[in-house]
Amino acid sequence: MVAEDDIKKVVITYTVDFYDYAGNEIDTGTVSVTLTTECPEEPGDTWGLKVNCGLSVRCGKLEENDLIAKWLNKLGFRHCDIGKGRSGRNDGANYDITIDRSSSRTVQNGKAIGTSCKCAKCNDIEDCVAKEYIQGMKNYSAYGNNCHTFTAKGLSKCCMKSNWRPAFHAGPDPTCTKWEMKIVRIEPWGPIYELVCVEHSPAY
């Protein structure tokens, strides 16, 4: 259900002249056509459909504040995040982002949670990404819950697609939202259980 205030309307009015068979004008009237979109207008972008909101995945070397960071840089580890502009880090690289406007996806974090991705504004998407990073940092881990994990979740939960992929230390499946123990095989001594992802947030 879309609130009436969220429906943008454009009314086009035509003037129509009516004539008889002899070509004499007998009447004049008007016909109005109303065009609507479920998406509210975003300033500078009439239908709220900006291609990438100026966002990209930005990666580069870790800031070498200690010996561990220097060691990780030598091993090829890179910091990655979602933001505007160039990376600004040594050995920096940017990966393209596009906003996925499919109706099957919704904003899954932040102030616009539940909003269809086809109607999400750029500030809704940016807020979603920010919340994903803030929540992730509360339980930061060098393996399984770090900047690569947050970036993957941000792309997945905040209506984005990208050619970027996380490094191994993001964890086995950073977009998994539900894990269950399942029997993966039966051995002579009994069943073998394994933690399996049974529910994902959208692919990016």
N, C-alpha and C. Protein backbone atom coordinates (compact mmCIF):
# COMPACT_ATOMS: atom_id res chain seq x y z
N MET A 1 0.86 -1.20 0.00
CA MET A 1 0.00 0.00 0.00
C MET A 1 0.89 1.24 0.00
N VAL A 2 0.63 2.17 -0.88
CA VAL A 2 1.41 3.39 -0.98
C VAL A 2 0.59 4.55 -0.47
N ALA A 3 1.15 5.33 0.44
CA ALA A 3 0.43 6.48 0.99
C ALA A 3 0.15 7.50 -0.10
N GLU A 4 -0.98 8.18 0.01
CA GLU A 4 -1.38 9.16 -0.99
C GLU A 4 -0.31 10.24 -1.15
N ASP A 5 0.34 10.61 -0.06
CA ASP A 5 1.36 11.65 -0.12
C ASP A 5 2.60 11.21 -0.89
N ASP A 6 2.78 9.88 -1.03
CA ASP A 6 3.96 9.36 -1.71
C ASP A 6 3.73 9.14 -3.20
N ILE A 7 2.53 9.48 -3.68
CA ILE A 7 2.24 9.29 -5.09
C ILE A 7 2.35 10.62 -5.82
N LYS A 8 3.28 10.70 -6.74
CA LYS A 8 3.45 11.92 -7.51
C LYS A 8 2.47 11.89 -8.68
N LYS A 9 1.75 12.99 -8.90
CA LYS A 9 0.76 13.07 -9.98
C LYS A 9 1.12 14.18 -10.95
N VAL A 10 1.00 13.89 -12.22
CA VAL A 10 1.16 14.89 -13.27
C VAL A 10 -0.11 14.87 -14.10
N VAL A 11 -0.81 16.01 -14.18
CA VAL A 11 -2.06 16.08 -14.92
C VAL A 11 -1.82 16.83 -16.23
N ILE A 12 -2.15 16.21 -17.34
CA ILE A 12 -2.03 16.83 -18.67
C ILE A 12 -3.44 17.05 -19.20
N THR A 13 -3.73 18.30 -19.56
CA THR A 13 -5.07 18.65 -20.04
C THR A 13 -5.02 19.01 -21.53
N TYR A 14 -5.91 18.40 -22.32
CA TYR A 14 -6.02 18.67 -23.75
C TYR A 14 -7.33 19.42 -24.02
N THR A 15 -7.27 20.35 -24.98
CA THR A 15 -8.50 20.99 -25.45
C THR A 15 -8.95 20.28 -26.71
N VAL A 16 -10.22 19.89 -26.73
CA VAL A 16 -10.76 19.11 -27.85
C VAL A 16 -11.91 19.88 -28.50
N ASP A 17 -11.82 20.05 -29.82
CA ASP A 17 -12.90 20.69 -30.58
C ASP A 17 -13.72 19.61 -31.28
N PHE A 18 -15.08 19.77 -31.25
CA PHE A 18 -15.98 18.81 -31.88
C PHE A 18 -16.63 19.46 -33.11
N TYR A 19 -16.68 18.69 -34.20
CA TYR A 19 -17.22 19.20 -35.46
C TYR A 19 -18.34 18.29 -35.95
N ASP A 20 -19.32 18.87 -36.73
CA ASP A 20 -20.34 18.04 -37.36
C ASP A 20 -19.81 17.52 -38.68
N TYR A 21 -20.67 16.76 -39.38
CA TYR A 21 -20.23 16.15 -40.63
C TYR A 21 -19.87 17.17 -41.69
N ALA A 22 -20.41 18.36 -41.57
CA ALA A 22 -20.13 19.42 -42.55
C ALA A 22 -18.86 20.19 -42.22
N GLY A 23 -18.23 19.85 -41.11
CA GLY A 23 -17.00 20.53 -40.75
C GLY A 23 -17.21 21.77 -39.91
N ASN A 24 -18.43 21.96 -39.39
CA ASN A 24 -18.70 23.13 -38.56
C ASN A 24 -18.43 22.79 -37.09
N GLU A 25 -17.71 23.70 -36.43
CA GLU A 25 -17.44 23.47 -35.01
C GLU A 25 -18.72 23.59 -34.21
N ILE A 26 -18.99 22.57 -33.40
CA ILE A 26 -20.24 22.58 -32.65
C ILE A 26 -20.00 22.64 -31.13
N ASP A 27 -18.78 22.31 -30.69
CA ASP A 27 -18.54 22.33 -29.24
C ASP A 27 -17.04 22.28 -28.96
N THR A 28 -16.66 22.67 -27.78
CA THR A 28 -15.26 22.60 -27.32
C THR A 28 -15.26 22.03 -25.91
N GLY A 29 -14.35 21.11 -25.67
CA GLY A 29 -14.26 20.52 -24.34
C GLY A 29 -12.82 20.24 -23.96
N THR A 30 -12.62 19.67 -22.81
CA THR A 30 -11.27 19.34 -22.35
C THR A 30 -11.22 17.88 -21.90
N VAL A 31 -10.06 17.30 -22.08
CA VAL A 31 -9.81 15.94 -21.63
C VAL A 31 -8.55 15.97 -20.77
N SER A 32 -8.60 15.42 -19.57
CA SER A 32 -7.45 15.40 -18.68
C SER A 32 -6.92 13.98 -18.51
N VAL A 33 -5.61 13.85 -18.57
CA VAL A 33 -4.95 12.56 -18.36
C VAL A 33 -4.03 12.71 -17.16
N THR A 34 -4.16 11.81 -16.18
CA THR A 34 -3.32 11.87 -14.98
C THR A 34 -2.29 10.76 -15.01
N LEU A 35 -1.01 11.15 -14.95
CA LEU A 35 0.09 10.19 -14.88
C LEU A 35 0.58 10.13 -13.45
N THR A 36 0.80 8.94 -12.94
CA THR A 36 1.24 8.81 -11.55
C THR A 36 2.45 7.91 -11.44
N THR A 37 3.21 8.10 -10.40
CA THR A 37 4.28 7.18 -10.03
C THR A 37 4.21 6.97 -8.54
N GLU A 38 4.51 5.76 -8.09
CA GLU A 38 4.48 5.49 -6.65
C GLU A 38 5.65 6.13 -5.93
N CYS A 39 6.65 6.53 -6.68
CA CYS A 39 7.87 7.04 -6.05
C CYS A 39 7.81 8.55 -5.85
N PRO A 40 8.09 9.03 -4.62
CA PRO A 40 8.12 10.47 -4.38
C PRO A 40 9.28 11.11 -5.11
N GLU A 41 9.15 12.37 -5.44
CA GLU A 41 10.18 13.08 -6.18
C GLU A 41 11.40 13.35 -5.31
N GLU A 42 12.57 13.23 -5.92
CA GLU A 42 13.81 13.58 -5.23
C GLU A 42 14.40 14.81 -5.92
N PRO A 43 14.81 15.82 -5.17
CA PRO A 43 15.36 17.03 -5.79
C PRO A 43 16.49 16.71 -6.76
N GLY A 44 16.40 17.29 -7.95
CA GLY A 44 17.43 17.08 -8.95
C GLY A 44 17.28 15.79 -9.71
N ASP A 45 16.24 15.03 -9.42
CA ASP A 45 16.05 13.73 -10.08
C ASP A 45 14.55 13.44 -10.08
N THR A 46 13.85 13.94 -11.08
CA THR A 46 12.39 14.02 -11.07
C THR A 46 11.70 12.75 -10.59
N TRP A 47 12.18 11.59 -11.05
CA TRP A 47 11.48 10.36 -10.67
C TRP A 47 12.24 9.55 -9.62
N GLY A 48 13.29 10.12 -9.02
CA GLY A 48 13.99 9.43 -7.94
C GLY A 48 14.75 8.20 -8.38
N LEU A 49 15.27 8.22 -9.61
CA LEU A 49 15.91 7.01 -10.15
C LEU A 49 17.38 7.25 -10.51
N LYS A 50 18.13 7.88 -9.64
CA LYS A 50 19.54 8.10 -9.91
C LYS A 50 20.25 6.76 -10.08
N VAL A 51 21.21 6.73 -11.01
CA VAL A 51 21.84 5.47 -11.39
C VAL A 51 22.64 4.88 -10.24
N ASN A 52 23.49 5.68 -9.61
CA ASN A 52 24.33 5.12 -8.55
C ASN A 52 24.44 6.02 -7.32
N CYS A 53 23.73 7.13 -7.28
CA CYS A 53 23.75 8.06 -6.14
C CYS A 53 25.16 8.56 -5.83
N GLY A 54 26.06 8.47 -6.81
CA GLY A 54 27.44 8.92 -6.59
C GLY A 54 28.27 7.95 -5.77
N LEU A 55 27.76 6.74 -5.53
CA LEU A 55 28.42 5.77 -4.65
C LEU A 55 29.27 4.78 -5.44
N SER A 56 30.31 4.28 -4.80
CA SER A 56 31.11 3.19 -5.34
C SER A 56 31.73 2.44 -4.16
N VAL A 57 32.23 1.24 -4.44
CA VAL A 57 33.01 0.52 -3.42
C VAL A 57 34.45 1.00 -3.54
N ARG A 58 35.00 1.52 -2.45
CA ARG A 58 36.33 2.10 -2.45
C ARG A 58 37.27 1.22 -1.62
N CYS A 59 38.36 0.81 -2.22
CA CYS A 59 39.30 -0.08 -1.54
C CYS A 59 40.72 0.49 -1.60
N GLY A 60 41.54 0.12 -0.63
CA GLY A 60 42.92 0.56 -0.61
C GLY A 60 43.66 -0.02 0.58
N LYS A 61 44.95 0.28 0.66
CA LYS A 61 45.77 -0.25 1.75
C LYS A 61 45.28 0.24 3.11
N LEU A 62 45.52 -0.58 4.12
CA LEU A 62 45.20 -0.19 5.50
C LEU A 62 46.13 0.94 5.93
N GLU A 63 45.64 1.79 6.81
CA GLU A 63 46.50 2.82 7.38
C GLU A 63 47.51 2.16 8.31
N GLU A 64 48.78 2.39 8.05
CA GLU A 64 49.83 1.68 8.76
C GLU A 64 50.14 2.36 10.09
N ASN A 65 49.21 2.23 11.01
CA ASN A 65 49.38 2.81 12.35
C ASN A 65 50.14 1.90 13.30
N ASP A 66 50.28 0.64 12.93
CA ASP A 66 51.00 -0.30 13.79
C ASP A 66 51.61 -1.40 12.93
N LEU A 67 52.38 -2.27 13.57
CA LEU A 67 53.07 -3.34 12.85
C LEU A 67 52.10 -4.34 12.22
N ILE A 68 50.97 -4.55 12.90
CA ILE A 68 49.97 -5.50 12.36
C ILE A 68 49.43 -5.00 11.03
N ALA A 69 49.10 -3.70 10.96
CA ALA A 69 48.57 -3.14 9.71
C ALA A 69 49.61 -3.23 8.60
N LYS A 70 50.86 -2.95 8.92
CA LYS A 70 51.92 -3.06 7.91
C LYS A 70 52.05 -4.49 7.42
N TRP A 71 51.95 -5.45 8.35
CA TRP A 71 52.04 -6.85 8.00
C TRP A 71 50.87 -7.27 7.11
N LEU A 72 49.66 -6.82 7.47
CA LEU A 72 48.47 -7.16 6.67
C LEU A 72 48.55 -6.56 5.27
N ASN A 73 49.08 -5.34 5.15
CA ASN A 73 49.25 -4.73 3.83
C ASN A 73 50.19 -5.57 2.96
N LYS A 74 51.27 -6.06 3.56
CA LYS A 74 52.22 -6.88 2.80
C LYS A 74 51.58 -8.19 2.34
N LEU A 75 50.60 -8.68 3.11
CA LEU A 75 49.90 -9.91 2.74
C LEU A 75 48.80 -9.67 1.71
N GLY A 76 48.55 -8.38 1.39
CA GLY A 76 47.56 -8.06 0.37
C GLY A 76 46.19 -7.73 0.89
N PHE A 77 46.03 -7.58 2.20
CA PHE A 77 44.74 -7.18 2.76
C PHE A 77 44.43 -5.74 2.36
N ARG A 78 43.15 -5.44 2.12
CA ARG A 78 42.74 -4.10 1.75
C ARG A 78 41.47 -3.71 2.51
N HIS A 79 41.43 -2.44 2.90
CA HIS A 79 40.19 -1.90 3.48
C HIS A 79 39.23 -1.58 2.35
N CYS A 80 37.94 -1.88 2.53
CA CYS A 80 36.91 -1.52 1.55
C CYS A 80 35.70 -0.93 2.26
N ASP A 81 35.07 0.04 1.61
CA ASP A 81 33.83 0.60 2.13
C ASP A 81 33.00 1.15 0.97
N ILE A 82 31.78 1.55 1.28
CA ILE A 82 30.89 2.16 0.28
C ILE A 82 30.85 3.65 0.56
N GLY A 83 31.13 4.47 -0.44
CA GLY A 83 31.13 5.91 -0.22
C GLY A 83 31.20 6.68 -1.52
N LYS A 84 31.37 7.99 -1.41
CA LYS A 84 31.43 8.87 -2.57
C LYS A 84 32.88 9.27 -2.83
N GLY A 85 33.21 9.51 -4.10
CA GLY A 85 34.55 9.95 -4.45
C GLY A 85 35.53 8.80 -4.58
N ARG A 86 36.78 9.16 -4.79
CA ARG A 86 37.83 8.17 -4.95
C ARG A 86 38.25 7.60 -3.59
N SER A 87 38.99 6.52 -3.61
CA SER A 87 39.38 5.85 -2.38
C SER A 87 40.21 6.74 -1.46
N GLY A 88 41.19 7.44 -2.01
CA GLY A 88 42.04 8.30 -1.19
C GLY A 88 43.11 7.52 -0.43
N ARG A 89 43.14 6.21 -0.56
CA ARG A 89 44.14 5.38 0.10
C ARG A 89 45.23 4.98 -0.90
N ASN A 90 46.40 4.63 -0.36
CA ASN A 90 47.47 4.13 -1.23
C ASN A 90 46.98 2.86 -1.93
N ASP A 91 47.40 2.74 -3.18
CA ASP A 91 47.00 1.56 -3.96
C ASP A 91 45.48 1.45 -4.04
N GLY A 92 44.81 2.61 -4.11
CA GLY A 92 43.34 2.63 -4.08
C GLY A 92 42.70 2.17 -5.37
N ALA A 93 41.48 1.66 -5.25
CA ALA A 93 40.68 1.22 -6.41
C ALA A 93 39.21 1.45 -6.10
N ASN A 94 38.45 1.79 -7.12
CA ASN A 94 37.00 1.97 -7.00
C ASN A 94 36.27 0.95 -7.85
N TYR A 95 35.17 0.43 -7.33
CA TYR A 95 34.34 -0.54 -8.05
C TYR A 95 32.95 0.05 -8.23
N ASP A 96 32.43 -0.07 -9.45
CA ASP A 96 31.15 0.56 -9.78
C ASP A 96 29.99 -0.02 -8.99
N ILE A 97 29.03 0.87 -8.72
CA ILE A 97 27.76 0.48 -8.08
C ILE A 97 26.63 0.98 -8.95
N THR A 98 25.57 0.19 -9.08
CA THR A 98 24.32 0.67 -9.66
C THR A 98 23.21 0.39 -8.65
N ILE A 99 22.21 1.25 -8.64
CA ILE A 99 21.06 1.04 -7.76
C ILE A 99 20.09 0.09 -8.44
N ASP A 100 19.75 -0.98 -7.74
CA ASP A 100 18.82 -1.98 -8.28
C ASP A 100 17.39 -1.52 -8.01
N ARG A 101 16.67 -1.17 -9.06
CA ARG A 101 15.30 -0.66 -8.91
C ARG A 101 14.24 -1.73 -9.07
N SER A 102 14.61 -2.99 -8.92
CA SER A 102 13.62 -4.06 -9.05
C SER A 102 12.66 -4.03 -7.86
N SER A 103 11.41 -4.34 -8.11
CA SER A 103 10.38 -4.29 -7.07
C SER A 103 10.51 -5.45 -6.09
N SER A 104 11.35 -6.42 -6.40
CA SER A 104 11.50 -7.59 -5.51
C SER A 104 12.41 -7.29 -4.31
N ARG A 105 13.12 -6.17 -4.34
CA ARG A 105 14.03 -5.83 -3.25
C ARG A 105 13.50 -4.65 -2.44
N THR A 106 13.84 -4.64 -1.16
CA THR A 106 13.45 -3.53 -0.28
C THR A 106 14.67 -3.07 0.51
N VAL A 107 14.60 -1.84 1.01
CA VAL A 107 15.63 -1.33 1.92
C VAL A 107 15.51 -2.12 3.23
N GLN A 108 16.62 -2.68 3.70
CA GLN A 108 16.56 -3.58 4.86
C GLN A 108 17.24 -3.03 6.11
N ASN A 109 17.56 -1.74 6.09
CA ASN A 109 18.13 -1.13 7.28
C ASN A 109 17.92 0.38 7.19
N GLY A 110 18.03 1.05 8.34
CA GLY A 110 17.94 2.50 8.36
C GLY A 110 16.51 3.02 8.42
N LYS A 111 16.38 4.34 8.23
CA LYS A 111 15.10 5.02 8.41
C LYS A 111 14.04 4.62 7.38
N ALA A 112 14.48 4.13 6.22
CA ALA A 112 13.53 3.78 5.15
C ALA A 112 13.31 2.27 5.06
N ILE A 113 13.59 1.55 6.12
CA ILE A 113 13.46 0.10 6.09
C ILE A 113 12.07 -0.31 5.61
N GLY A 114 12.02 -1.27 4.69
CA GLY A 114 10.76 -1.74 4.13
C GLY A 114 10.36 -1.03 2.85
N THR A 115 11.03 0.08 2.51
CA THR A 115 10.71 0.81 1.28
C THR A 115 11.16 0.01 0.06
N SER A 116 10.33 -0.04 -0.96
CA SER A 116 10.71 -0.74 -2.19
C SER A 116 11.94 -0.07 -2.80
N CYS A 117 12.87 -0.87 -3.30
CA CYS A 117 14.07 -0.31 -3.91
C CYS A 117 13.74 0.55 -5.13
N LYS A 118 12.62 0.30 -5.77
CA LYS A 118 12.28 1.12 -6.94
C LYS A 118 11.92 2.54 -6.53
N CYS A 119 11.66 2.77 -5.26
CA CYS A 119 11.29 4.10 -4.78
C CYS A 119 12.30 4.69 -3.79
N ALA A 120 13.33 3.94 -3.44
CA ALA A 120 14.28 4.41 -2.43
C ALA A 120 15.07 5.62 -2.94
N LYS A 121 15.15 6.66 -2.13
CA LYS A 121 15.94 7.83 -2.47
C LYS A 121 17.40 7.59 -2.11
N CYS A 122 18.26 8.44 -2.67
CA CYS A 122 19.69 8.29 -2.41
C CYS A 122 20.00 8.41 -0.92
N ASN A 123 19.35 9.35 -0.22
CA ASN A 123 19.65 9.49 1.21
C ASN A 123 19.13 8.29 2.01
N ASP A 124 18.09 7.60 1.51
CA ASP A 124 17.62 6.37 2.15
C ASP A 124 18.70 5.28 2.04
N ILE A 125 19.29 5.18 0.86
CA ILE A 125 20.31 4.17 0.60
C ILE A 125 21.57 4.46 1.41
N GLU A 126 21.97 5.73 1.45
CA GLU A 126 23.16 6.11 2.22
C GLU A 126 22.94 5.86 3.71
N ASP A 127 21.75 6.12 4.20
CA ASP A 127 21.45 5.88 5.61
C ASP A 127 21.47 4.38 5.91
N CYS A 128 20.96 3.59 5.00
CA CYS A 128 20.98 2.13 5.15
C CYS A 128 22.41 1.62 5.27
N VAL A 129 23.29 2.11 4.40
CA VAL A 129 24.70 1.70 4.42
C VAL A 129 25.35 2.11 5.74
N ALA A 130 25.10 3.35 6.16
CA ALA A 130 25.70 3.85 7.41
C ALA A 130 25.28 2.99 8.60
N LYS A 131 23.99 2.64 8.67
CA LYS A 131 23.50 1.81 9.78
C LYS A 131 24.15 0.43 9.76
N GLU A 132 24.35 -0.12 8.56
CA GLU A 132 24.97 -1.44 8.45
C GLU A 132 26.39 -1.42 8.99
N TYR A 133 27.13 -0.34 8.72
CA TYR A 133 28.50 -0.22 9.23
C TYR A 133 28.51 0.00 10.74
N ILE A 134 27.62 0.86 11.21
CA ILE A 134 27.58 1.15 12.65
C ILE A 134 27.26 -0.12 13.44
N GLN A 135 26.26 -0.87 13.00
CA GLN A 135 25.88 -2.09 13.69
C GLN A 135 26.97 -3.15 13.61
N GLY A 136 27.63 -3.24 12.45
CA GLY A 136 28.69 -4.22 12.28
C GLY A 136 29.89 -3.96 13.17
N MET A 137 30.24 -2.68 13.34
CA MET A 137 31.42 -2.33 14.14
C MET A 137 31.26 -2.68 15.62
N LYS A 138 30.02 -2.87 16.06
CA LYS A 138 29.81 -3.22 17.47
C LYS A 138 30.38 -4.59 17.81
N ASN A 139 30.47 -5.46 16.79
CA ASN A 139 31.01 -6.80 17.01
C ASN A 139 32.12 -7.09 16.01
N TYR A 140 32.99 -6.10 15.82
CA TYR A 140 34.05 -6.22 14.80
C TYR A 140 34.94 -7.43 15.07
N SER A 141 35.31 -8.11 13.99
CA SER A 141 36.24 -9.23 14.07
C SER A 141 37.09 -9.22 12.80
N ALA A 142 38.38 -9.49 12.95
CA ALA A 142 39.27 -9.49 11.78
C ALA A 142 38.85 -10.55 10.76
N TYR A 143 38.18 -11.60 11.24
CA TYR A 143 37.63 -12.59 10.32
C TYR A 143 36.13 -12.73 10.57
N GLY A 144 35.35 -12.59 9.52
CA GLY A 144 33.92 -12.87 9.60
C GLY A 144 33.03 -11.69 9.93
N ASN A 145 33.62 -10.56 10.36
CA ASN A 145 32.78 -9.38 10.64
C ASN A 145 33.66 -8.12 10.60
N ASN A 146 34.02 -7.73 9.38
CA ASN A 146 34.93 -6.61 9.17
C ASN A 146 34.44 -5.75 8.02
N CYS A 147 35.28 -4.86 7.53
CA CYS A 147 34.83 -3.92 6.50
C CYS A 147 34.33 -4.63 5.24
N HIS A 148 34.93 -5.76 4.88
CA HIS A 148 34.46 -6.51 3.70
C HIS A 148 33.07 -7.11 3.97
N THR A 149 32.86 -7.57 5.20
CA THR A 149 31.54 -8.11 5.57
C THR A 149 30.49 -7.01 5.52
N PHE A 150 30.80 -5.84 6.10
CA PHE A 150 29.84 -4.73 6.13
C PHE A 150 29.52 -4.25 4.71
N THR A 151 30.55 -4.22 3.85
CA THR A 151 30.34 -3.75 2.48
C THR A 151 29.44 -4.71 1.71
N ALA A 152 29.68 -6.01 1.87
CA ALA A 152 28.83 -7.01 1.21
C ALA A 152 27.39 -6.90 1.69
N LYS A 153 27.20 -6.76 3.00
CA LYS A 153 25.85 -6.63 3.55
C LYS A 153 25.20 -5.32 3.10
N GLY A 154 25.99 -4.26 3.04
CA GLY A 154 25.45 -2.97 2.59
C GLY A 154 24.94 -3.04 1.17
N LEU A 155 25.71 -3.65 0.27
CA LEU A 155 25.27 -3.81 -1.11
C LEU A 155 23.98 -4.63 -1.18
N SER A 156 23.97 -5.71 -0.41
CA SER A 156 22.83 -6.63 -0.43
C SER A 156 21.57 -6.02 0.15
N LYS A 157 21.70 -5.35 1.30
CA LYS A 157 20.52 -4.87 2.02
C LYS A 157 20.07 -3.47 1.59
N CYS A 158 20.89 -2.78 0.83
CA CYS A 158 20.60 -1.37 0.53
C CYS A 158 20.42 -1.11 -0.96
N CYS A 159 19.85 -2.08 -1.67
CA CYS A 159 19.38 -1.88 -3.05
C CYS A 159 20.49 -1.68 -4.08
N MET A 160 21.65 -2.28 -3.87
CA MET A 160 22.75 -2.03 -4.80
C MET A 160 23.24 -3.30 -5.49
N LYS A 161 23.88 -3.10 -6.64
CA LYS A 161 24.59 -4.15 -7.36
C LYS A 161 26.00 -3.64 -7.64
N SER A 162 26.97 -4.56 -7.69
CA SER A 162 28.35 -4.16 -7.94
C SER A 162 29.15 -5.35 -8.46
N ASN A 163 30.25 -5.02 -9.17
CA ASN A 163 31.17 -6.07 -9.62
C ASN A 163 32.22 -6.38 -8.56
N TRP A 164 32.17 -5.68 -7.42
CA TRP A 164 33.09 -5.95 -6.31
C TRP A 164 32.69 -7.24 -5.60
N ARG A 165 33.69 -7.97 -5.12
CA ARG A 165 33.44 -9.16 -4.31
C ARG A 165 34.35 -9.13 -3.08
N PRO A 166 33.85 -9.60 -1.93
CA PRO A 166 34.64 -9.54 -0.70
C PRO A 166 35.80 -10.53 -0.71
N ALA A 167 36.83 -10.22 0.08
CA ALA A 167 37.94 -11.14 0.28
C ALA A 167 37.52 -12.25 1.26
N PHE A 168 38.36 -13.27 1.38
CA PHE A 168 38.01 -14.44 2.18
C PHE A 168 37.71 -14.10 3.64
N HIS A 169 38.37 -13.04 4.16
CA HIS A 169 38.20 -12.75 5.58
C HIS A 169 36.87 -12.09 5.91
N ALA A 170 36.02 -11.85 4.88
CA ALA A 170 34.66 -11.38 5.14
C ALA A 170 33.83 -12.47 5.82
N GLY A 171 34.29 -13.72 5.70
CA GLY A 171 33.54 -14.83 6.28
C GLY A 171 33.02 -15.74 5.18
N PRO A 172 32.50 -16.90 5.54
CA PRO A 172 32.08 -17.88 4.53
C PRO A 172 30.89 -17.44 3.68
N ASP A 173 30.03 -16.61 4.23
CA ASP A 173 28.84 -16.19 3.48
C ASP A 173 28.28 -14.92 4.11
N PRO A 174 28.83 -13.76 3.79
CA PRO A 174 28.47 -12.52 4.50
C PRO A 174 27.03 -12.07 4.31
N THR A 175 26.35 -12.54 3.26
CA THR A 175 24.95 -12.11 3.07
C THR A 175 23.95 -13.11 3.63
N CYS A 176 24.43 -14.12 4.35
CA CYS A 176 23.53 -15.09 4.98
C CYS A 176 22.81 -14.44 6.16
N THR A 177 21.51 -14.61 6.23
CA THR A 177 20.73 -14.04 7.33
C THR A 177 20.19 -15.11 8.28
N LYS A 178 20.35 -16.39 7.91
CA LYS A 178 19.84 -17.46 8.78
C LYS A 178 20.65 -18.74 8.55
N TRP A 179 21.21 -19.25 9.65
CA TRP A 179 21.98 -20.50 9.60
C TRP A 179 21.24 -21.60 10.36
N GLU A 180 21.39 -22.83 9.90
CA GLU A 180 20.82 -23.98 10.60
C GLU A 180 21.78 -25.15 10.53
N MET A 181 21.76 -25.97 11.59
CA MET A 181 22.54 -27.21 11.57
C MET A 181 21.76 -28.26 10.79
N LYS A 182 22.40 -28.82 9.76
CA LYS A 182 21.74 -29.82 8.94
C LYS A 182 22.64 -31.04 8.76
N ILE A 183 22.01 -32.18 8.55
CA ILE A 183 22.77 -33.40 8.26
C ILE A 183 23.26 -33.32 6.82
N VAL A 184 24.57 -33.40 6.62
CA VAL A 184 25.13 -33.32 5.27
C VAL A 184 25.49 -34.70 4.71
N ARG A 185 25.69 -35.66 5.59
CA ARG A 185 25.92 -37.03 5.13
C ARG A 185 25.80 -37.98 6.33
N ILE A 186 25.67 -39.26 5.99
CA ILE A 186 25.56 -40.30 7.03
C ILE A 186 26.79 -41.20 6.95
N GLU A 187 27.48 -41.30 8.06
CA GLU A 187 28.63 -42.20 8.16
C GLU A 187 28.23 -43.42 8.97
N PRO A 188 29.04 -44.50 8.93
CA PRO A 188 28.70 -45.71 9.70
C PRO A 188 28.51 -45.43 11.19
N TRP A 189 29.21 -44.44 11.70
CA TRP A 189 29.10 -44.13 13.13
C TRP A 189 28.02 -43.11 13.47
N GLY A 190 27.35 -42.60 12.41
CA GLY A 190 26.26 -41.67 12.67
C GLY A 190 26.22 -40.50 11.70
N PRO A 191 25.22 -39.62 11.86
CA PRO A 191 25.07 -38.48 10.95
C PRO A 191 26.13 -37.41 11.21
N ILE A 192 26.54 -36.72 10.12
CA ILE A 192 27.49 -35.61 10.19
C ILE A 192 26.71 -34.31 9.98
N TYR A 193 26.80 -33.43 10.95
CA TYR A 193 26.08 -32.16 10.88
C TYR A 193 27.02 -31.04 10.42
N GLU A 194 26.41 -30.06 9.77
CA GLU A 194 27.18 -28.91 9.32
C GLU A 194 26.28 -27.67 9.36
N LEU A 195 26.88 -26.53 9.70
CA LEU A 195 26.13 -25.29 9.73
C LEU A 195 25.92 -24.82 8.28
N VAL A 196 24.65 -24.71 7.88
CA VAL A 196 24.31 -24.39 6.49
C VAL A 196 23.47 -23.13 6.44
N CYS A 197 23.76 -22.26 5.49
CA CYS A 197 22.94 -21.05 5.30
C CYS A 197 21.62 -21.44 4.63
N VAL A 198 20.51 -21.07 5.24
CA VAL A 198 19.20 -21.42 4.67
C VAL A 198 18.43 -20.18 4.19
N GLU A 199 18.99 -19.00 4.44
CA GLU A 199 18.29 -17.78 4.01
C GLU A 199 19.30 -16.66 3.77
N HIS A 200 19.23 -16.05 2.57
CA HIS A 200 20.14 -14.98 2.21
C HIS A 200 19.39 -13.65 2.05
N SER A 201 20.09 -12.56 2.27
CA SER A 201 19.59 -11.28 1.78
C SER A 201 19.89 -11.25 0.29
N PRO A 202 19.32 -10.30 -0.49
CA PRO A 202 19.41 -10.35 -1.96
C PRO A 202 20.85 -10.37 -2.49
N ALA A 203 21.02 -11.05 -3.62
CA ALA A 203 22.32 -11.05 -4.27
C ALA A 203 22.64 -9.65 -4.80
N TYR A 204 23.90 -9.33 -4.82
CA TYR A 204 24.31 -8.03 -5.34
C TYR A 204 25.25 -8.18 -6.52
